[in-house]
Amino acid sequence: MDSRVKDLTGQKFGRLTVTSFVRSEKGNARWKCVCECGNEHEALANGLKRGQVQSCGCLQKESGKKHVSNLRTKEAQQKAYERKLEVDSIDGTMKSALTRRLSAKNKSGVKGVRWNEDRKKWQASITFKGKVHFLGRFTKKEDAIQARLDAEAEYFKPILDK
């Protein structure tokens, strides 16, 4: 065992008890564990410490059995999607997608507006009916936002008004 690896032998994580060190992978130690159900399982130290790995898989299987009523066949999923399309789709566009909230990854504060690092300009685009429409690159962020708002009025407003 590498001297930098903290010994986890004997420690318990969820249903797993660490029994021995296996090897180190890219700076993350792999440990052999024994589950309460009796199965052996290998897990990375990070997964154990963060609580991402708590059993050999038996915990997930048990949880799944409790929620069997939520599982659907492919056919049932397809029918549910078709019902959603009937209610939410207008001319092949989902109304809910047009009014969806801003992604947490968005840094500009406006959908469809982003900073293009290579060109050092603001870039605006809009996706409509599965096709991305490029609206241009702008020196000022306000101009990119205005281009996006104009495109929303042109593309989205007729759909939302229906």
C-alpha atoms as a PDB file:
ATOM      1  CA  MET A   1       0.000   0.000   0.000  1.00  0.00           C
ATOM      2  CA  ASP A   2       1.229   3.483  -0.915  1.00  0.00           C
ATOM      3  CA  SER A   3       2.287   5.581   2.098  1.00  0.00           C
ATOM      4  CA  ARG A   4      -0.022   8.410   0.927  1.00  0.00           C
ATOM      5  CA  VAL A   5      -3.113   6.167   1.091  1.00  0.00           C
ATOM      6  CA  LYS A   6      -5.101   6.482   4.309  1.00  0.00           C
ATOM      7  CA  ASP A   7      -5.882   3.034   5.706  1.00  0.00           C
ATOM      8  CA  LEU A   8      -9.639   2.413   5.721  1.00  0.00           C
ATOM      9  CA  THR A   9      -9.429  -1.211   6.892  1.00  0.00           C
ATOM     10  CA  GLY A  10     -12.175  -2.005   9.414  1.00  0.00           C
ATOM     11  CA  GLN A  11     -14.155   1.179   8.701  1.00  0.00           C
ATOM     12  CA  LYS A  12     -17.848   0.917   7.840  1.00  0.00           C
ATOM     13  CA  PHE A  13     -19.526   2.858   5.016  1.00  0.00           C
ATOM     14  CA  GLY A  14     -23.252   2.211   4.761  1.00  0.00           C
ATOM     15  CA  ARG A  15     -23.588  -1.580   4.555  1.00  0.00           C
ATOM     16  CA  LEU A  16     -19.942  -2.068   3.549  1.00  0.00           C
ATOM     17  CA  THR A  17     -17.058  -2.887   5.875  1.00  0.00           C
ATOM     18  CA  VAL A  18     -13.581  -2.374   4.392  1.00  0.00           C
ATOM     19  CA  THR A  19     -11.437  -5.526   4.629  1.00  0.00           C
ATOM     20  CA  SER A  20      -8.308  -4.832   2.564  1.00  0.00           C
ATOM     21  CA  PHE A  21      -6.467  -2.553   0.139  1.00  0.00           C
ATOM     22  CA  VAL A  22      -6.559  -3.686  -3.514  1.00  0.00           C
ATOM     23  CA  ARG A  23      -4.608  -1.088  -5.536  1.00  0.00           C
ATOM     24  CA  SER A  24      -4.339   2.600  -6.296  1.00  0.00           C
ATOM     25  CA  GLU A  25      -5.865   4.003  -9.501  1.00  0.00           C
ATOM     26  CA  LYS A  26      -4.890   7.522 -10.584  1.00  0.00           C
ATOM     27  CA  GLY A  27      -4.432   8.633  -6.990  1.00  0.00           C
ATOM     28  CA  ASN A  28      -7.612   6.983  -5.730  1.00  0.00           C
ATOM     29  CA  ALA A  29      -7.318   3.801  -3.660  1.00  0.00           C
ATOM     30  CA  ARG A  30      -9.511   0.784  -4.420  1.00  0.00           C
ATOM     31  CA  TRP A  31     -10.653  -1.236  -1.390  1.00  0.00           C
ATOM     32  CA  LYS A  32     -12.160  -4.696  -0.977  1.00  0.00           C
ATOM     33  CA  CYS A  33     -15.276  -4.590   1.189  1.00  0.00           C
ATOM     34  CA  VAL A  34     -17.758  -7.074   2.614  1.00  0.00           C
ATOM     35  CA  CYS A  35     -21.431  -6.145   2.497  1.00  0.00           C
ATOM     36  CA  GLU A  36     -23.898  -6.922   5.293  1.00  0.00           C
ATOM     37  CA  CYS A  37     -25.629  -9.309   2.867  1.00  0.00           C
ATOM     38  CA  GLY A  38     -22.374 -11.336   2.642  1.00  0.00           C
ATOM     39  CA  ASN A  39     -21.228 -10.316  -0.853  1.00  0.00           C
ATOM     40  CA  GLU A  40     -17.748  -8.930  -1.528  1.00  0.00           C
ATOM     41  CA  HIS A  41     -17.423  -5.659  -3.412  1.00  0.00           C
ATOM     42  CA  GLU A  42     -14.539  -3.445  -4.550  1.00  0.00           C
ATOM     43  CA  ALA A  43     -14.987   0.321  -4.260  1.00  0.00           C
ATOM     44  CA  LEU A  44     -12.918   3.478  -4.678  1.00  0.00           C
ATOM     45  CA  ALA A  45     -12.076   5.380  -1.497  1.00  0.00           C
ATOM     46  CA  ASN A  46     -13.683   8.583  -2.814  1.00  0.00           C
ATOM     47  CA  GLY A  47     -16.983   6.799  -3.462  1.00  0.00           C
ATOM     48  CA  LEU A  48     -16.984   5.315   0.019  1.00  0.00           C
ATOM     49  CA  LYS A  49     -16.074   8.556   1.795  1.00  0.00           C
ATOM     50  CA  ARG A  50     -18.632  10.623  -0.137  1.00  0.00           C
ATOM     51  CA  GLY A  51     -21.428   8.133   0.522  1.00  0.00           C
ATOM     52  CA  GLN A  52     -21.855   7.304  -3.167  1.00  0.00           C
ATOM     53  CA  VAL A  53     -21.136   3.606  -2.537  1.00  0.00           C
ATOM     54  CA  GLN A  54     -23.018   2.128   0.397  1.00  0.00           C
ATOM     55  CA  SER A  55     -23.536  -1.512  -0.554  1.00  0.00           C
ATOM     56  CA  CYS A  56     -22.616  -4.203  -3.065  1.00  0.00           C
ATOM     57  CA  GLY A  57     -25.735  -3.279  -5.013  1.00  0.00           C
ATOM     58  CA  CYS A  58     -28.245  -4.993  -2.749  1.00  0.00           C
ATOM     59  CA  LEU A  59     -29.436  -1.662  -1.348  1.00  0.00           C
ATOM     60  CA  GLN A  60     -30.332  -0.431  -4.828  1.00  0.00           C
ATOM     61  CA  LYS A  61     -32.109  -3.703  -5.645  1.00  0.00           C
ATOM     62  CA  GLU A  62     -34.176  -3.449  -2.452  1.00  0.00           C
ATOM     63  CA  SER A  63     -35.052   0.180  -3.168  1.00  0.00           C
ATOM     64  CA  GLY A  64     -36.080  -0.770  -6.683  1.00  0.00           C
ATOM     65  CA  LYS A  65     -38.471  -3.433  -5.390  1.00  0.00           C
ATOM     66  CA  LYS A  66     -40.241  -0.812  -3.273  1.00  0.00           C
ATOM     67  CA  HIS A  67     -40.777   1.404  -6.335  1.00  0.00           C
ATOM     68  CA  VAL A  68     -41.747  -1.232  -8.900  1.00  0.00           C
ATOM     69  CA  SER A  69     -45.017   0.608  -9.566  1.00  0.00           C
ATOM     70  CA  ASN A  70     -42.964   3.543 -10.968  1.00  0.00           C
ATOM     71  CA  LEU A  71     -41.180   1.377 -13.535  1.00  0.00           C
ATOM     72  CA  ARG A  72     -42.782   1.305 -16.963  1.00  0.00           C
ATOM     73  CA  THR A  73     -42.397  -0.721 -20.104  1.00  0.00           C
ATOM     74  CA  LYS A  74     -41.062   0.938 -23.256  1.00  0.00           C
ATOM     75  CA  GLU A  75     -44.582   0.840 -24.676  1.00  0.00           C
ATOM     76  CA  ALA A  76     -46.046   2.654 -21.640  1.00  0.00           C
ATOM     77  CA  GLN A  77     -43.263   5.264 -21.797  1.00  0.00           C
ATOM     78  CA  GLN A  78     -43.960   5.826 -25.503  1.00  0.00           C
ATOM     79  CA  LYS A  79     -47.697   6.274 -24.869  1.00  0.00           C
ATOM     80  CA  ALA A  80     -46.967   8.756 -22.055  1.00  0.00           C
ATOM     81  CA  TYR A  81     -44.670  10.712 -24.399  1.00  0.00           C
ATOM     82  CA  GLU A  82     -47.348  10.764 -27.116  1.00  0.00           C
ATOM     83  CA  ARG A  83     -49.926  12.081 -24.598  1.00  0.00           C
ATOM     84  CA  LYS A  84     -47.472  14.793 -23.563  1.00  0.00           C
ATOM     85  CA  LEU A  85     -46.969  15.749 -27.210  1.00  0.00           C
ATOM     86  CA  GLU A  86     -50.730  16.059 -27.681  1.00  0.00           C
ATOM     87  CA  VAL A  87     -51.000  18.460 -24.750  1.00  0.00           C
ATOM     88  CA  ASP A  88     -47.694  20.338 -24.940  1.00  0.00           C
ATOM     89  CA  SER A  89     -46.716  20.312 -28.632  1.00  0.00           C
ATOM     90  CA  ILE A  90     -47.678  22.932 -31.194  1.00  0.00           C
ATOM     91  CA  ASP A  91     -46.299  22.524 -34.722  1.00  0.00           C
ATOM     92  CA  GLY A  92     -43.616  20.157 -33.426  1.00  0.00           C
ATOM     93  CA  THR A  93     -42.427  22.532 -30.688  1.00  0.00           C
ATOM     94  CA  MET A  94     -42.832  21.835 -26.974  1.00  0.00           C
ATOM     95  CA  LYS A  95     -44.359  24.849 -25.206  1.00  0.00           C
ATOM     96  CA  SER A  96     -42.747  23.822 -21.918  1.00  0.00           C
ATOM     97  CA  ALA A  97     -39.289  24.054 -23.529  1.00  0.00           C
ATOM     98  CA  LEU A  98     -39.950  27.668 -24.532  1.00  0.00           C
ATOM     99  CA  THR A  99     -40.776  28.734 -20.998  1.00  0.00           C
ATOM    100  CA  ARG A 100     -38.213  26.546 -19.193  1.00  0.00           C
ATOM    101  CA  ARG A 101     -36.117  28.309 -16.561  1.00  0.00           C
ATOM    102  CA  LEU A 102     -32.520  29.297 -17.107  1.00  0.00           C
ATOM    103  CA  SER A 103     -29.852  26.605 -16.748  1.00  0.00           C
ATOM    104  CA  ALA A 104     -27.566  26.815 -13.726  1.00  0.00           C
ATOM    105  CA  LYS A 105     -24.610  26.629 -16.149  1.00  0.00           C
ATOM    106  CA  ASN A 106     -25.676  29.809 -17.950  1.00  0.00           C
ATOM    107  CA  LYS A 107     -23.217  32.620 -17.221  1.00  0.00           C
ATOM    108  CA  SER A 108     -24.776  35.430 -19.275  1.00  0.00           C
ATOM    109  CA  GLY A 109     -28.096  35.436 -17.443  1.00  0.00           C
ATOM    110  CA  VAL A 110     -30.028  35.111 -20.721  1.00  0.00           C
ATOM    111  CA  LYS A 111     -30.960  31.946 -22.635  1.00  0.00           C
ATOM    112  CA  GLY A 112     -29.163  31.660 -25.960  1.00  0.00           C
ATOM    113  CA  VAL A 113     -26.549  34.308 -25.169  1.00  0.00           C
ATOM    114  CA  ARG A 114     -22.986  33.289 -24.437  1.00  0.00           C
ATOM    115  CA  TRP A 115     -19.459  34.687 -24.459  1.00  0.00           C
ATOM    116  CA  ASN A 116     -17.351  33.341 -27.352  1.00  0.00           C
ATOM    117  CA  GLU A 117     -13.860  33.246 -25.854  1.00  0.00           C
ATOM    118  CA  ASP A 118     -12.089  32.639 -29.191  1.00  0.00           C
ATOM    119  CA  ARG A 119     -13.601  35.684 -30.879  1.00  0.00           C
ATOM    120  CA  LYS A 120     -13.960  37.830 -27.731  1.00  0.00           C
ATOM    121  CA  LYS A 121     -17.573  38.600 -28.595  1.00  0.00           C
ATOM    122  CA  TRP A 122     -21.067  37.859 -27.313  1.00  0.00           C
ATOM    123  CA  GLN A 123     -22.899  35.294 -29.399  1.00  0.00           C
ATOM    124  CA  ALA A 124     -26.657  34.846 -29.686  1.00  0.00           C
ATOM    125  CA  SER A 125     -28.614  31.860 -30.982  1.00  0.00           C
ATOM    126  CA  ILE A 126     -32.049  30.316 -30.686  1.00  0.00           C
ATOM    127  CA  THR A 127     -33.245  26.731 -31.147  1.00  0.00           C
ATOM    128  CA  PHE A 128     -36.619  26.270 -32.774  1.00  0.00           C
ATOM    129  CA  LYS A 129     -38.187  23.005 -33.976  1.00  0.00           C
ATOM    130  CA  GLY A 130     -34.910  21.220 -33.318  1.00  0.00           C
ATOM    131  CA  LYS A 131     -32.840  23.586 -35.478  1.00  0.00           C
ATOM    132  CA  VAL A 132     -30.289  26.063 -34.094  1.00  0.00           C
ATOM    133  CA  HIS A 133     -30.572  29.530 -35.632  1.00  0.00           C
ATOM    134  CA  PHE A 134     -27.387  31.583 -35.299  1.00  0.00           C
ATOM    135  CA  LEU A 135     -28.283  35.231 -34.604  1.00  0.00           C
ATOM    136  CA  GLY A 136     -24.814  36.775 -34.706  1.00  0.00           C
ATOM    137  CA  ARG A 137     -21.816  37.917 -32.705  1.00  0.00           C
ATOM    138  CA  PHE A 138     -21.825  41.229 -30.891  1.00  0.00           C
ATOM    139  CA  THR A 139     -19.322  43.451 -29.141  1.00  0.00           C
ATOM    140  CA  LYS A 140     -21.890  44.523 -26.557  1.00  0.00           C
ATOM    141  CA  LYS A 141     -23.786  42.036 -24.432  1.00  0.00           C
ATOM    142  CA  GLU A 142     -26.909  44.217 -24.656  1.00  0.00           C
ATOM    143  CA  ASP A 143     -26.953  43.844 -28.470  1.00  0.00           C
ATOM    144  CA  ALA A 144     -26.770  40.048 -28.196  1.00  0.00           C
ATOM    145  CA  ILE A 145     -29.599  40.072 -25.659  1.00  0.00           C
ATOM    146  CA  GLN A 146     -31.723  42.266 -27.928  1.00  0.00           C
ATOM    147  CA  ALA A 147     -31.095  39.931 -30.884  1.00  0.00           C
ATOM    148  CA  ARG A 148     -32.209  36.991 -28.765  1.00  0.00           C
ATOM    149  CA  LEU A 149     -35.346  38.812 -27.557  1.00  0.00           C
ATOM    150  CA  ASP A 150     -36.245  39.778 -31.145  1.00  0.00           C
ATOM    151  CA  ALA A 151     -35.830  36.152 -32.248  1.00  0.00           C
ATOM    152  CA  GLU A 152     -37.986  34.935 -29.333  1.00  0.00           C
ATOM    153  CA  ALA A 153     -40.722  37.341 -30.450  1.00  0.00           C
ATOM    154  CA  GLU A 154     -40.426  36.073 -34.023  1.00  0.00           C
ATOM    155  CA  TYR A 155     -40.220  32.333 -33.314  1.00  0.00           C
ATOM    156  CA  PHE A 156     -41.768  31.688 -29.894  1.00  0.00           C
ATOM    157  CA  LYS A 157     -44.571  34.266 -29.587  1.00  0.00           C
ATOM    158  CA  PRO A 158     -46.816  32.694 -32.279  1.00  0.00           C
ATOM    159  CA  ILE A 159     -46.453  29.294 -30.578  1.00  0.00           C
ATOM    160  CA  LEU A 160     -47.127  30.620 -27.085  1.00  0.00           C
ATOM    161  CA  ASP A 161     -50.142  32.603 -28.303  1.00  0.00           C
ATOM    162  CA  LYS A 162     -51.833  29.442 -29.665  1.00  0.00           C
END
